[in-house]
Amino acid sequence: MKRTFGLNACAVAVRRRRDGFVLAAAIALAVAAVAPARPAAAQAVTVAEATLRASDDADGAAVLDAQFDFDLPAVLEDAVNRGIALYFVIDFELYRTRWYWFDRKLVDASLTYRLTYSPLTRQYRLARGTLAQPFETLAEALATLRRVRGWRVVDAGVLHKGEDYRAQTRMRLDISQLPKPFQITALTNRDWNLASDWRTVQVPRELLR
């Protein structure tokens, strides 16, 4: 009887160990299934032009002129035509360089464009703040979106002689403003990621006062 009990106990132990391996494998597969996906690489946007110049108002402020080159992926074009609003953001940063410490950020500005399509009017609309402009075709709307002129980014009195500055700009599709299901899709689908690298913008000496 003692020997039989020992064999039964050994069999139970083996079975439990086998069940433990099966359970561990199942848990590992479940974790892998729900693990966050690696963000997809962004589609390329090229900053073809980026220039700082004095404001036409002659008030000492500086404005940015920029040209961005990109093609709208088919999946984003389809989303717009189905009524999904796309938000494109142009970022601008200005730093005062300091050899003895980290550069000091003086300006952190963003300009947001909202691209939509209305099935009723069969027109595309590009909105910037409270201003909106209608377009008959998507190509016309994108041509305007790719170009920014006279964006006031530096107020008067910010730039001074004797100081060194560096500035940069970029354009990106703001995924955070997409509907939640599309935000999840954007994590793994590179067609939903549209952005440029930061492009250095020269700060002309004539802007220093």
N, C-alpha and C. Protein backbone atom coordinates (compact mmCIF):
# COMPACT_ATOMS: atom_id res chain seq x y z
N MET A 1 0.82 -1.20 0.00
CA MET A 1 0.00 0.00 0.00
C MET A 1 0.86 1.25 0.00
N LYS A 2 1.89 1.30 0.77
CA LYS A 2 2.79 2.46 0.83
C LYS A 2 3.43 2.70 -0.52
N ARG A 3 3.80 1.60 -1.24
CA ARG A 3 4.45 1.75 -2.53
C ARG A 3 3.48 2.33 -3.56
N THR A 4 2.20 1.84 -3.49
CA THR A 4 1.19 2.35 -4.42
C THR A 4 0.94 3.83 -4.19
N PHE A 5 0.90 4.21 -2.91
CA PHE A 5 0.70 5.62 -2.56
C PHE A 5 1.84 6.47 -3.10
N GLY A 6 3.06 5.94 -3.05
CA GLY A 6 4.20 6.69 -3.54
C GLY A 6 4.14 6.89 -5.04
N LEU A 7 3.70 5.84 -5.78
CA LEU A 7 3.59 5.97 -7.24
C LEU A 7 2.51 6.96 -7.62
N ASN A 8 1.39 6.89 -6.87
CA ASN A 8 0.31 7.83 -7.17
C ASN A 8 0.74 9.27 -6.93
N ALA A 9 1.47 9.48 -5.85
CA ALA A 9 1.94 10.83 -5.53
C ALA A 9 2.90 11.33 -6.60
N CYS A 10 3.74 10.44 -7.11
CA CYS A 10 4.68 10.82 -8.16
C CYS A 10 3.94 11.19 -9.44
N ALA A 11 2.89 10.39 -9.77
CA ALA A 11 2.11 10.67 -10.98
C ALA A 11 1.41 12.01 -10.88
N VAL A 12 0.88 12.30 -9.69
CA VAL A 12 0.19 13.57 -9.48
C VAL A 12 1.17 14.74 -9.64
N ALA A 13 2.37 14.57 -9.11
CA ALA A 13 3.37 15.62 -9.20
C ALA A 13 3.77 15.88 -10.65
N VAL A 14 3.93 14.80 -11.44
CA VAL A 14 4.29 14.96 -12.84
C VAL A 14 3.16 15.67 -13.60
N ARG A 15 1.91 15.24 -13.29
CA ARG A 15 0.77 15.84 -13.97
C ARG A 15 0.66 17.33 -13.63
N ARG A 16 0.86 17.65 -12.38
CA ARG A 16 0.80 19.07 -11.97
C ARG A 16 1.89 19.88 -12.65
N ARG A 17 3.09 19.32 -12.76
CA ARG A 17 4.18 20.03 -13.42
C ARG A 17 3.87 20.25 -14.90
N ARG A 18 3.28 19.21 -15.54
CA ARG A 18 2.91 19.36 -16.95
C ARG A 18 1.83 20.41 -17.13
N ASP A 19 0.83 20.41 -16.24
CA ASP A 19 -0.24 21.40 -16.31
C ASP A 19 0.30 22.80 -16.07
N GLY A 20 1.33 22.88 -15.21
CA GLY A 20 1.94 24.18 -14.95
C GLY A 20 2.62 24.74 -16.18
N PHE A 21 3.31 23.86 -16.92
CA PHE A 21 3.96 24.31 -18.17
C PHE A 21 2.93 24.77 -19.19
N VAL A 22 1.82 24.04 -19.30
CA VAL A 22 0.76 24.40 -20.25
C VAL A 22 0.17 25.75 -19.89
N LEU A 23 -0.09 25.93 -18.58
CA LEU A 23 -0.66 27.19 -18.12
C LEU A 23 0.30 28.35 -18.38
N ALA A 24 1.59 28.15 -18.12
CA ALA A 24 2.58 29.21 -18.34
C ALA A 24 2.66 29.58 -19.82
N ALA A 25 2.59 28.55 -20.68
CA ALA A 25 2.63 28.82 -22.13
C ALA A 25 1.40 29.60 -22.57
N ALA A 26 0.24 29.25 -22.00
CA ALA A 26 -1.00 29.95 -22.35
C ALA A 26 -0.93 31.41 -21.92
N ILE A 27 -0.41 31.66 -20.74
CA ILE A 27 -0.29 33.03 -20.25
C ILE A 27 0.67 33.83 -21.12
N ALA A 28 1.78 33.21 -21.51
CA ALA A 28 2.75 33.90 -22.36
C ALA A 28 2.13 34.30 -23.69
N LEU A 29 1.33 33.40 -24.27
CA LEU A 29 0.68 33.72 -25.54
C LEU A 29 -0.34 34.84 -25.37
N ALA A 30 -1.05 34.82 -24.24
CA ALA A 30 -2.06 35.87 -24.00
C ALA A 30 -1.41 37.22 -23.82
N VAL A 31 -0.29 37.27 -23.11
CA VAL A 31 0.43 38.52 -22.90
C VAL A 31 0.95 39.06 -24.22
N ALA A 32 1.47 38.16 -25.05
CA ALA A 32 1.99 38.58 -26.35
C ALA A 32 0.89 39.14 -27.22
N ALA A 33 -0.31 38.59 -27.06
CA ALA A 33 -1.42 39.04 -27.91
C ALA A 33 -1.88 40.44 -27.56
N VAL A 34 -1.80 40.78 -26.26
CA VAL A 34 -2.30 42.09 -25.84
C VAL A 34 -1.18 43.09 -25.61
N ALA A 35 0.06 42.71 -25.81
CA ALA A 35 1.18 43.63 -25.60
C ALA A 35 1.09 44.78 -26.58
N PRO A 36 1.47 46.00 -26.15
CA PRO A 36 1.42 47.15 -27.05
C PRO A 36 2.29 46.94 -28.28
N ALA A 37 1.74 47.26 -29.43
CA ALA A 37 2.50 47.12 -30.68
C ALA A 37 3.52 48.23 -30.80
N ARG A 38 4.59 47.95 -31.50
CA ARG A 38 5.61 48.96 -31.74
C ARG A 38 5.06 50.02 -32.68
N PRO A 39 5.21 51.31 -32.34
CA PRO A 39 4.67 52.36 -33.20
C PRO A 39 5.21 52.25 -34.62
N ALA A 40 4.32 52.46 -35.57
CA ALA A 40 4.73 52.38 -36.98
C ALA A 40 5.56 53.59 -37.35
N ALA A 41 6.48 53.39 -38.28
CA ALA A 41 7.31 54.49 -38.76
C ALA A 41 6.46 55.51 -39.49
N ALA A 42 6.79 56.78 -39.32
CA ALA A 42 5.99 57.84 -39.91
C ALA A 42 6.29 58.00 -41.40
N GLN A 43 5.25 58.35 -42.15
CA GLN A 43 5.42 58.68 -43.55
C GLN A 43 6.20 59.99 -43.64
N ALA A 44 7.00 60.12 -44.68
CA ALA A 44 7.89 61.27 -44.78
C ALA A 44 7.16 62.53 -45.23
N VAL A 45 7.43 63.61 -44.51
CA VAL A 45 7.06 64.96 -44.93
C VAL A 45 8.37 65.73 -45.04
N THR A 46 8.57 66.41 -46.13
CA THR A 46 9.80 67.16 -46.34
C THR A 46 9.55 68.64 -46.13
N VAL A 47 10.42 69.27 -45.34
CA VAL A 47 10.37 70.72 -45.17
C VAL A 47 11.22 71.32 -46.28
N ALA A 48 10.59 71.72 -47.37
CA ALA A 48 11.32 72.20 -48.54
C ALA A 48 11.84 73.61 -48.34
N GLU A 49 11.15 74.39 -47.52
CA GLU A 49 11.54 75.79 -47.30
C GLU A 49 11.11 76.20 -45.90
N ALA A 50 11.96 76.97 -45.23
CA ALA A 50 11.62 77.49 -43.90
C ALA A 50 12.46 78.75 -43.67
N THR A 51 11.78 79.89 -43.63
CA THR A 51 12.48 81.17 -43.55
C THR A 51 11.84 82.08 -42.52
N LEU A 52 12.68 82.69 -41.70
CA LEU A 52 12.22 83.73 -40.77
C LEU A 52 12.48 85.09 -41.41
N ARG A 53 11.51 85.98 -41.28
CA ARG A 53 11.68 87.34 -41.80
C ARG A 53 10.90 88.32 -40.93
N ALA A 54 11.20 89.58 -41.12
CA ALA A 54 10.51 90.61 -40.36
C ALA A 54 9.04 90.69 -40.77
N SER A 55 8.19 90.96 -39.81
CA SER A 55 6.76 91.10 -40.10
C SER A 55 6.51 92.30 -41.01
N ASP A 56 5.51 92.17 -41.87
CA ASP A 56 5.15 93.28 -42.75
C ASP A 56 4.59 94.47 -41.97
N ASP A 57 4.21 94.24 -40.73
CA ASP A 57 3.68 95.32 -39.89
C ASP A 57 4.77 96.23 -39.36
N ALA A 58 6.03 95.84 -39.56
CA ALA A 58 7.17 96.64 -39.11
C ALA A 58 7.09 96.96 -37.62
N ASP A 59 6.64 95.98 -36.84
CA ASP A 59 6.52 96.18 -35.40
C ASP A 59 7.61 95.46 -34.62
N GLY A 60 8.59 94.90 -35.34
CA GLY A 60 9.69 94.21 -34.68
C GLY A 60 9.47 92.72 -34.50
N ALA A 61 8.30 92.22 -34.90
CA ALA A 61 8.02 90.80 -34.79
C ALA A 61 8.61 90.06 -35.99
N ALA A 62 8.67 88.73 -35.89
CA ALA A 62 9.17 87.89 -36.98
C ALA A 62 8.12 86.87 -37.37
N VAL A 63 8.04 86.59 -38.66
CA VAL A 63 7.07 85.62 -39.17
C VAL A 63 7.81 84.50 -39.90
N LEU A 64 7.11 83.37 -40.02
CA LEU A 64 7.68 82.20 -40.68
C LEU A 64 6.99 81.95 -42.01
N ASP A 65 7.80 81.75 -43.05
CA ASP A 65 7.33 81.27 -44.34
C ASP A 65 7.88 79.85 -44.51
N ALA A 66 7.01 78.90 -44.85
CA ALA A 66 7.48 77.52 -44.99
C ALA A 66 6.71 76.79 -46.08
N GLN A 67 7.38 75.82 -46.67
CA GLN A 67 6.79 74.97 -47.70
C GLN A 67 7.04 73.52 -47.32
N PHE A 68 5.97 72.73 -47.24
CA PHE A 68 6.07 71.32 -46.88
C PHE A 68 5.63 70.47 -48.07
N ASP A 69 6.39 69.42 -48.33
CA ASP A 69 6.08 68.51 -49.44
C ASP A 69 5.70 67.14 -48.89
N PHE A 70 4.54 66.63 -49.29
CA PHE A 70 4.12 65.29 -48.90
C PHE A 70 2.94 64.87 -49.77
N ASP A 71 2.74 63.58 -49.84
CA ASP A 71 1.57 63.00 -50.50
C ASP A 71 0.67 62.40 -49.44
N LEU A 72 -0.62 62.61 -49.58
CA LEU A 72 -1.57 62.06 -48.61
C LEU A 72 -1.80 60.58 -48.93
N PRO A 73 -1.47 59.68 -48.01
CA PRO A 73 -1.70 58.25 -48.27
C PRO A 73 -3.16 57.97 -48.59
N ALA A 74 -3.40 56.94 -49.39
CA ALA A 74 -4.76 56.60 -49.82
C ALA A 74 -5.69 56.35 -48.64
N VAL A 75 -5.17 55.76 -47.56
CA VAL A 75 -6.02 55.46 -46.40
C VAL A 75 -6.49 56.74 -45.72
N LEU A 76 -5.66 57.78 -45.72
CA LEU A 76 -6.06 59.06 -45.13
C LEU A 76 -7.03 59.80 -46.05
N GLU A 77 -6.81 59.71 -47.35
CA GLU A 77 -7.74 60.32 -48.30
C GLU A 77 -9.12 59.69 -48.16
N ASP A 78 -9.13 58.37 -48.01
CA ASP A 78 -10.41 57.67 -47.85
C ASP A 78 -11.08 58.09 -46.54
N ALA A 79 -10.30 58.27 -45.49
CA ALA A 79 -10.86 58.68 -44.20
C ALA A 79 -11.52 60.05 -44.30
N VAL A 80 -10.84 60.98 -44.98
CA VAL A 80 -11.42 62.32 -45.15
C VAL A 80 -12.73 62.25 -45.92
N ASN A 81 -12.73 61.48 -46.99
CA ASN A 81 -13.94 61.37 -47.81
C ASN A 81 -15.09 60.69 -47.07
N ARG A 82 -14.78 59.96 -46.02
CA ARG A 82 -15.81 59.31 -45.21
C ARG A 82 -16.25 60.17 -44.02
N GLY A 83 -15.70 61.38 -43.93
CA GLY A 83 -16.15 62.30 -42.89
C GLY A 83 -15.25 62.41 -41.68
N ILE A 84 -14.06 61.81 -41.73
CA ILE A 84 -13.11 61.91 -40.62
C ILE A 84 -12.28 63.18 -40.78
N ALA A 85 -12.25 64.01 -39.75
CA ALA A 85 -11.44 65.24 -39.78
C ALA A 85 -9.98 64.91 -39.49
N LEU A 86 -9.09 65.48 -40.29
CA LEU A 86 -7.65 65.31 -40.08
C LEU A 86 -7.06 66.64 -39.59
N TYR A 87 -6.25 66.56 -38.57
CA TYR A 87 -5.64 67.75 -37.98
C TYR A 87 -4.14 67.73 -38.26
N PHE A 88 -3.68 68.73 -38.97
CA PHE A 88 -2.26 68.87 -39.28
C PHE A 88 -1.69 70.02 -38.44
N VAL A 89 -0.55 69.77 -37.81
CA VAL A 89 0.05 70.74 -36.91
C VAL A 89 1.44 71.13 -37.40
N ILE A 90 1.69 72.43 -37.44
CA ILE A 90 3.02 72.95 -37.72
C ILE A 90 3.59 73.47 -36.41
N ASP A 91 4.73 72.96 -36.01
CA ASP A 91 5.37 73.36 -34.76
C ASP A 91 6.57 74.26 -35.06
N PHE A 92 6.80 75.22 -34.18
CA PHE A 92 7.96 76.10 -34.29
C PHE A 92 8.56 76.30 -32.91
N GLU A 93 9.87 76.19 -32.81
CA GLU A 93 10.57 76.42 -31.55
C GLU A 93 11.76 77.35 -31.77
N LEU A 94 11.98 78.22 -30.79
CA LEU A 94 13.12 79.13 -30.82
C LEU A 94 13.87 79.02 -29.50
N TYR A 95 15.18 78.87 -29.60
CA TYR A 95 16.03 78.75 -28.41
C TYR A 95 17.12 79.82 -28.42
N ARG A 96 17.49 80.27 -27.25
CA ARG A 96 18.70 81.07 -27.10
C ARG A 96 19.80 80.13 -26.64
N THR A 97 20.86 80.05 -27.43
CA THR A 97 21.93 79.10 -27.11
C THR A 97 22.81 79.64 -26.00
N ARG A 98 23.21 78.73 -25.11
CA ARG A 98 24.07 79.10 -23.98
C ARG A 98 25.17 78.06 -23.84
N TRP A 99 26.44 78.51 -23.93
CA TRP A 99 27.55 77.57 -23.87
C TRP A 99 27.74 76.98 -22.48
N TYR A 100 27.26 77.68 -21.46
CA TYR A 100 27.50 77.25 -20.08
C TYR A 100 26.35 76.42 -19.52
N TRP A 101 25.24 76.30 -20.24
CA TRP A 101 24.08 75.58 -19.72
C TRP A 101 23.23 75.11 -20.89
N PHE A 102 22.11 74.46 -20.58
CA PHE A 102 21.21 74.05 -21.65
C PHE A 102 20.63 75.27 -22.34
N ASP A 103 20.32 75.10 -23.64
CA ASP A 103 19.70 76.19 -24.38
C ASP A 103 18.34 76.54 -23.75
N ARG A 104 18.02 77.82 -23.77
CA ARG A 104 16.76 78.29 -23.17
C ARG A 104 15.70 78.43 -24.25
N LYS A 105 14.56 77.75 -24.06
CA LYS A 105 13.47 77.83 -25.04
C LYS A 105 12.71 79.15 -24.83
N LEU A 106 12.65 79.94 -25.91
CA LEU A 106 11.96 81.22 -25.86
C LEU A 106 10.58 81.17 -26.49
N VAL A 107 10.44 80.34 -27.52
CA VAL A 107 9.17 80.25 -28.24
C VAL A 107 8.82 78.78 -28.47
N ASP A 108 7.57 78.42 -28.20
CA ASP A 108 7.05 77.09 -28.49
C ASP A 108 5.64 77.29 -29.05
N ALA A 109 5.54 77.39 -30.38
CA ALA A 109 4.27 77.73 -31.02
C ALA A 109 3.80 76.61 -31.93
N SER A 110 2.49 76.50 -32.06
CA SER A 110 1.88 75.50 -32.94
C SER A 110 0.75 76.12 -33.74
N LEU A 111 0.63 75.70 -34.97
CA LEU A 111 -0.43 76.16 -35.86
C LEU A 111 -1.17 74.93 -36.37
N THR A 112 -2.48 74.88 -36.12
CA THR A 112 -3.27 73.70 -36.45
C THR A 112 -4.22 73.97 -37.61
N TYR A 113 -4.23 73.05 -38.58
CA TYR A 113 -5.17 73.08 -39.70
C TYR A 113 -6.10 71.86 -39.58
N ARG A 114 -7.37 72.10 -39.84
CA ARG A 114 -8.37 71.02 -39.79
C ARG A 114 -8.90 70.79 -41.21
N LEU A 115 -8.66 69.58 -41.72
CA LEU A 115 -9.08 69.23 -43.07
C LEU A 115 -10.32 68.34 -43.00
N THR A 116 -11.40 68.77 -43.65
CA THR A 116 -12.65 68.00 -43.63
C THR A 116 -13.28 67.98 -45.03
N TYR A 117 -14.29 67.11 -45.17
CA TYR A 117 -15.05 67.02 -46.42
C TYR A 117 -16.54 66.98 -46.09
N SER A 118 -17.33 67.75 -46.84
CA SER A 118 -18.77 67.78 -46.64
C SER A 118 -19.47 67.09 -47.81
N PRO A 119 -20.13 65.96 -47.57
CA PRO A 119 -20.85 65.28 -48.66
C PRO A 119 -22.00 66.12 -49.22
N LEU A 120 -22.58 67.00 -48.38
CA LEU A 120 -23.71 67.81 -48.83
C LEU A 120 -23.29 68.82 -49.89
N THR A 121 -22.19 69.52 -49.63
CA THR A 121 -21.72 70.53 -50.58
C THR A 121 -20.69 69.97 -51.54
N ARG A 122 -20.19 68.75 -51.23
CA ARG A 122 -19.14 68.12 -52.02
C ARG A 122 -17.91 69.03 -52.12
N GLN A 123 -17.59 69.62 -50.97
CA GLN A 123 -16.44 70.50 -50.89
C GLN A 123 -15.54 70.09 -49.73
N TYR A 124 -14.26 70.36 -49.90
CA TYR A 124 -13.30 70.18 -48.82
C TYR A 124 -13.13 71.53 -48.12
N ARG A 125 -12.87 71.47 -46.82
CA ARG A 125 -12.68 72.70 -46.06
C ARG A 125 -11.39 72.59 -45.26
N LEU A 126 -10.64 73.67 -45.28
CA LEU A 126 -9.40 73.76 -44.52
C LEU A 126 -9.56 74.92 -43.53
N ALA A 127 -9.59 74.59 -42.25
CA ALA A 127 -9.84 75.58 -41.21
C ALA A 127 -8.57 75.85 -40.42
N ARG A 128 -8.36 77.13 -40.13
CA ARG A 128 -7.23 77.57 -39.32
C ARG A 128 -7.80 78.52 -38.27
N GLY A 129 -7.96 78.00 -37.06
CA GLY A 129 -8.64 78.78 -36.03
C GLY A 129 -10.11 78.94 -36.39
N THR A 130 -10.58 80.17 -36.41
CA THR A 130 -11.98 80.45 -36.75
C THR A 130 -12.18 80.69 -38.24
N LEU A 131 -11.09 80.70 -38.99
CA LEU A 131 -11.17 80.94 -40.43
C LEU A 131 -11.20 79.62 -41.18
N ALA A 132 -12.09 79.52 -42.17
CA ALA A 132 -12.20 78.30 -42.97
C ALA A 132 -12.32 78.67 -44.43
N GLN A 133 -11.69 77.86 -45.27
CA GLN A 133 -11.70 78.11 -46.71
C GLN A 133 -12.17 76.86 -47.44
N PRO A 134 -13.17 76.99 -48.33
CA PRO A 134 -13.67 75.83 -49.08
C PRO A 134 -12.84 75.58 -50.34
N PHE A 135 -12.78 74.32 -50.75
CA PHE A 135 -12.07 73.93 -51.97
C PHE A 135 -12.91 72.91 -52.72
N GLU A 136 -12.85 72.98 -54.03
CA GLU A 136 -13.60 72.05 -54.87
C GLU A 136 -12.94 70.67 -54.90
N THR A 137 -11.61 70.63 -54.78
CA THR A 137 -10.89 69.36 -54.85
C THR A 137 -9.94 69.22 -53.66
N LEU A 138 -9.60 67.97 -53.38
CA LEU A 138 -8.65 67.70 -52.31
C LEU A 138 -7.27 68.22 -52.68
N ALA A 139 -6.90 68.15 -53.94
CA ALA A 139 -5.59 68.63 -54.39
C ALA A 139 -5.43 70.11 -54.08
N GLU A 140 -6.49 70.90 -54.28
CA GLU A 140 -6.42 72.33 -53.99
C GLU A 140 -6.26 72.58 -52.50
N ALA A 141 -6.97 71.81 -51.69
CA ALA A 141 -6.86 71.96 -50.23
C ALA A 141 -5.46 71.61 -49.74
N LEU A 142 -4.89 70.54 -50.29
CA LEU A 142 -3.55 70.12 -49.88
C LEU A 142 -2.49 71.12 -50.33
N ALA A 143 -2.68 71.73 -51.49
CA ALA A 143 -1.73 72.74 -51.98
C ALA A 143 -1.65 73.90 -50.99
N THR A 144 -2.78 74.30 -50.44
CA THR A 144 -2.81 75.38 -49.45
C THR A 144 -2.22 74.91 -48.12
N LEU A 145 -2.54 73.68 -47.75
CA LEU A 145 -2.04 73.13 -46.49
C LEU A 145 -0.52 73.04 -46.48
N ARG A 146 0.06 72.73 -47.61
CA ARG A 146 1.52 72.55 -47.68
C ARG A 146 2.30 73.86 -47.56
N ARG A 147 1.60 74.97 -47.65
CA ARG A 147 2.31 76.25 -47.67
C ARG A 147 1.79 77.18 -46.58
N VAL A 148 2.69 77.71 -45.78
CA VAL A 148 2.32 78.69 -44.75
C VAL A 148 3.12 79.97 -45.01
N ARG A 149 2.43 81.10 -44.94
CA ARG A 149 3.06 82.39 -45.20
C ARG A 149 2.65 83.39 -44.11
N GLY A 150 3.66 84.09 -43.60
CA GLY A 150 3.40 85.15 -42.65
C GLY A 150 2.87 84.71 -41.30
N TRP A 151 3.27 83.52 -40.86
CA TRP A 151 2.84 83.05 -39.53
C TRP A 151 3.69 83.74 -38.47
N ARG A 152 3.07 84.55 -37.64
CA ARG A 152 3.78 85.30 -36.61
C ARG A 152 4.22 84.35 -35.49
N VAL A 153 5.53 84.16 -35.37
CA VAL A 153 6.05 83.20 -34.41
C VAL A 153 6.92 83.84 -33.32
N VAL A 154 7.47 85.02 -33.60
CA VAL A 154 8.34 85.68 -32.61
C VAL A 154 7.85 87.11 -32.41
N ASP A 155 7.49 87.42 -31.18
CA ASP A 155 7.02 88.77 -30.87
C ASP A 155 8.19 89.75 -30.81
N ALA A 156 7.86 91.02 -30.88
CA ALA A 156 8.87 92.08 -30.77
C ALA A 156 9.53 92.03 -29.40
N GLY A 157 10.83 92.31 -29.37
CA GLY A 157 11.56 92.36 -28.11
C GLY A 157 12.13 91.04 -27.64
N VAL A 158 11.89 89.96 -28.39
CA VAL A 158 12.41 88.64 -28.01
C VAL A 158 13.85 88.46 -28.46
N LEU A 159 14.16 88.92 -29.66
CA LEU A 159 15.51 88.77 -30.23
C LEU A 159 16.36 89.99 -29.94
N HIS A 160 17.61 89.76 -29.49
CA HIS A 160 18.49 90.86 -29.13
C HIS A 160 19.88 90.67 -29.74
N LYS A 161 20.52 91.78 -30.05
CA LYS A 161 21.88 91.73 -30.56
C LYS A 161 22.82 91.17 -29.50
N GLY A 162 23.85 90.50 -29.99
CA GLY A 162 24.83 89.93 -29.08
C GLY A 162 24.48 88.54 -28.56
N GLU A 163 23.31 88.04 -28.92
CA GLU A 163 22.88 86.71 -28.49
C GLU A 163 22.83 85.78 -29.69
N ASP A 164 22.99 84.50 -29.42
CA ASP A 164 22.91 83.48 -30.46
C ASP A 164 21.62 82.69 -30.29
N TYR A 165 20.99 82.41 -31.44
CA TYR A 165 19.70 81.72 -31.41
C TYR A 165 19.69 80.56 -32.40
N ARG A 166 18.83 79.62 -32.13
CA ARG A 166 18.55 78.56 -33.10
C ARG A 166 17.05 78.31 -33.11
N ALA A 167 16.54 78.03 -34.29
CA ALA A 167 15.10 77.81 -34.45
C ALA A 167 14.88 76.56 -35.28
N GLN A 168 13.70 75.96 -35.15
CA GLN A 168 13.38 74.76 -35.91
C GLN A 168 11.87 74.65 -36.09
N THR A 169 11.48 73.94 -37.15
CA THR A 169 10.06 73.76 -37.44
C THR A 169 9.82 72.37 -37.99
N ARG A 170 8.56 71.93 -37.94
CA ARG A 170 8.18 70.63 -38.49
C ARG A 170 6.68 70.62 -38.75
N MET A 171 6.20 69.63 -39.51
CA MET A 171 4.77 69.40 -39.71
C MET A 171 4.46 67.96 -39.33
N ARG A 172 3.26 67.75 -38.76
CA ARG A 172 2.86 66.40 -38.37
C ARG A 172 1.34 66.27 -38.39
N LEU A 173 0.86 65.07 -38.61
CA LEU A 173 -0.55 64.75 -38.46
C LEU A 173 -0.78 64.46 -36.98
N ASP A 174 -1.71 65.19 -36.37
CA ASP A 174 -1.98 65.02 -34.94
C ASP A 174 -2.89 63.82 -34.73
N ILE A 175 -2.28 62.68 -34.43
CA ILE A 175 -3.03 61.44 -34.25
C ILE A 175 -3.94 61.51 -33.02
N SER A 176 -3.56 62.29 -32.02
CA SER A 176 -4.34 62.36 -30.78
C SER A 176 -5.74 62.94 -30.99
N GLN A 177 -5.96 63.64 -32.11
CA GLN A 177 -7.26 64.22 -32.37
C GLN A 177 -8.13 63.36 -33.29
N LEU A 178 -7.63 62.18 -33.63
CA LEU A 178 -8.43 61.24 -34.39
C LEU A 178 -9.42 60.53 -33.46
N PRO A 179 -10.53 59.99 -33.97
CA PRO A 179 -11.42 59.17 -33.15
C PRO A 179 -10.64 58.01 -32.54
N LYS A 180 -11.03 57.58 -31.36
CA LYS A 180 -10.28 56.56 -30.62
C LYS A 180 -9.94 55.31 -31.43
N PRO A 181 -10.88 54.72 -32.18
CA PRO A 181 -10.51 53.52 -32.95
C PRO A 181 -9.38 53.77 -33.95
N PHE A 182 -9.36 54.97 -34.53
CA PHE A 182 -8.32 55.29 -35.50
C PHE A 182 -6.98 55.57 -34.81
N GLN A 183 -7.03 56.06 -33.58
CA GLN A 183 -5.79 56.25 -32.82
C GLN A 183 -5.10 54.91 -32.60
N ILE A 184 -5.90 53.88 -32.31
CA ILE A 184 -5.34 52.54 -32.10
C ILE A 184 -4.76 52.01 -33.41
N THR A 185 -5.48 52.22 -34.51
CA THR A 185 -4.99 51.78 -35.82
C THR A 185 -3.68 52.46 -36.17
N ALA A 186 -3.55 53.74 -35.82
CA ALA A 186 -2.36 54.51 -36.16
C ALA A 186 -1.11 53.98 -35.47
N LEU A 187 -1.28 53.23 -34.37
CA LEU A 187 -0.12 52.70 -33.67
C LEU A 187 0.62 51.65 -34.48
N THR A 188 -0.08 50.97 -35.36
CA THR A 188 0.54 49.88 -36.11
C THR A 188 0.52 50.09 -37.62
N ASN A 189 -0.24 51.07 -38.10
CA ASN A 189 -0.33 51.31 -39.54
C ASN A 189 0.42 52.58 -39.89
N ARG A 190 1.52 52.44 -40.61
CA ARG A 190 2.37 53.59 -40.92
C ARG A 190 1.68 54.60 -41.82
N ASP A 191 0.65 54.19 -42.55
CA ASP A 191 -0.07 55.13 -43.41
C ASP A 191 -0.79 56.22 -42.60
N TRP A 192 -1.02 55.93 -41.32
CA TRP A 192 -1.70 56.90 -40.46
C TRP A 192 -0.71 57.81 -39.76
N ASN A 193 0.57 57.59 -39.97
CA ASN A 193 1.61 58.41 -39.35
C ASN A 193 2.27 59.28 -40.40
N LEU A 194 2.02 60.57 -40.33
CA LEU A 194 2.53 61.51 -41.33
C LEU A 194 3.24 62.62 -40.57
N ALA A 195 4.55 62.74 -40.77
CA ALA A 195 5.31 63.74 -40.02
C ALA A 195 6.65 64.00 -40.69
N SER A 196 7.21 65.17 -40.40
CA SER A 196 8.55 65.52 -40.87
C SER A 196 9.51 65.51 -39.70
N ASP A 197 10.78 65.49 -40.02
CA ASP A 197 11.79 65.73 -38.99
C ASP A 197 11.84 67.22 -38.70
N TRP A 198 12.48 67.58 -37.60
CA TRP A 198 12.69 69.00 -37.31
C TRP A 198 13.65 69.57 -38.35
N ARG A 199 13.31 70.73 -38.87
CA ARG A 199 14.16 71.42 -39.85
C ARG A 199 14.68 72.71 -39.23
N THR A 200 16.00 72.90 -39.28
CA THR A 200 16.60 74.11 -38.74
C THR A 200 16.19 75.33 -39.55
N VAL A 201 15.86 76.41 -38.85
CA VAL A 201 15.48 77.67 -39.48
C VAL A 201 16.51 78.72 -39.08
N GLN A 202 17.14 79.34 -40.05
CA GLN A 202 18.13 80.36 -39.76
C GLN A 202 17.46 81.61 -39.19
N VAL A 203 18.13 82.22 -38.19
CA VAL A 203 17.65 83.47 -37.60
C VAL A 203 18.50 84.60 -38.17
N PRO A 204 17.97 85.38 -39.12
CA PRO A 204 18.75 86.44 -39.76
C PRO A 204 19.22 87.49 -38.75
N ARG A 205 20.42 88.00 -38.97
CA ARG A 205 20.99 89.00 -38.07
C ARG A 205 20.17 90.29 -38.06
N GLU A 206 19.52 90.58 -39.19
CA GLU A 206 18.75 91.84 -39.25
C GLU A 206 17.53 91.81 -38.33
N LEU A 207 17.18 90.62 -37.81
CA LEU A 207 16.06 90.54 -36.88
C LEU A 207 16.48 90.86 -35.44
N LEU A 208 17.80 90.87 -35.21
CA LEU A 208 18.30 91.16 -33.85
C LEU A 208 18.35 92.65 -33.63
N ARG A 209 17.73 93.09 -32.54
CA ARG A 209 17.65 94.54 -32.27
C ARG A 209 18.14 94.85 -30.86
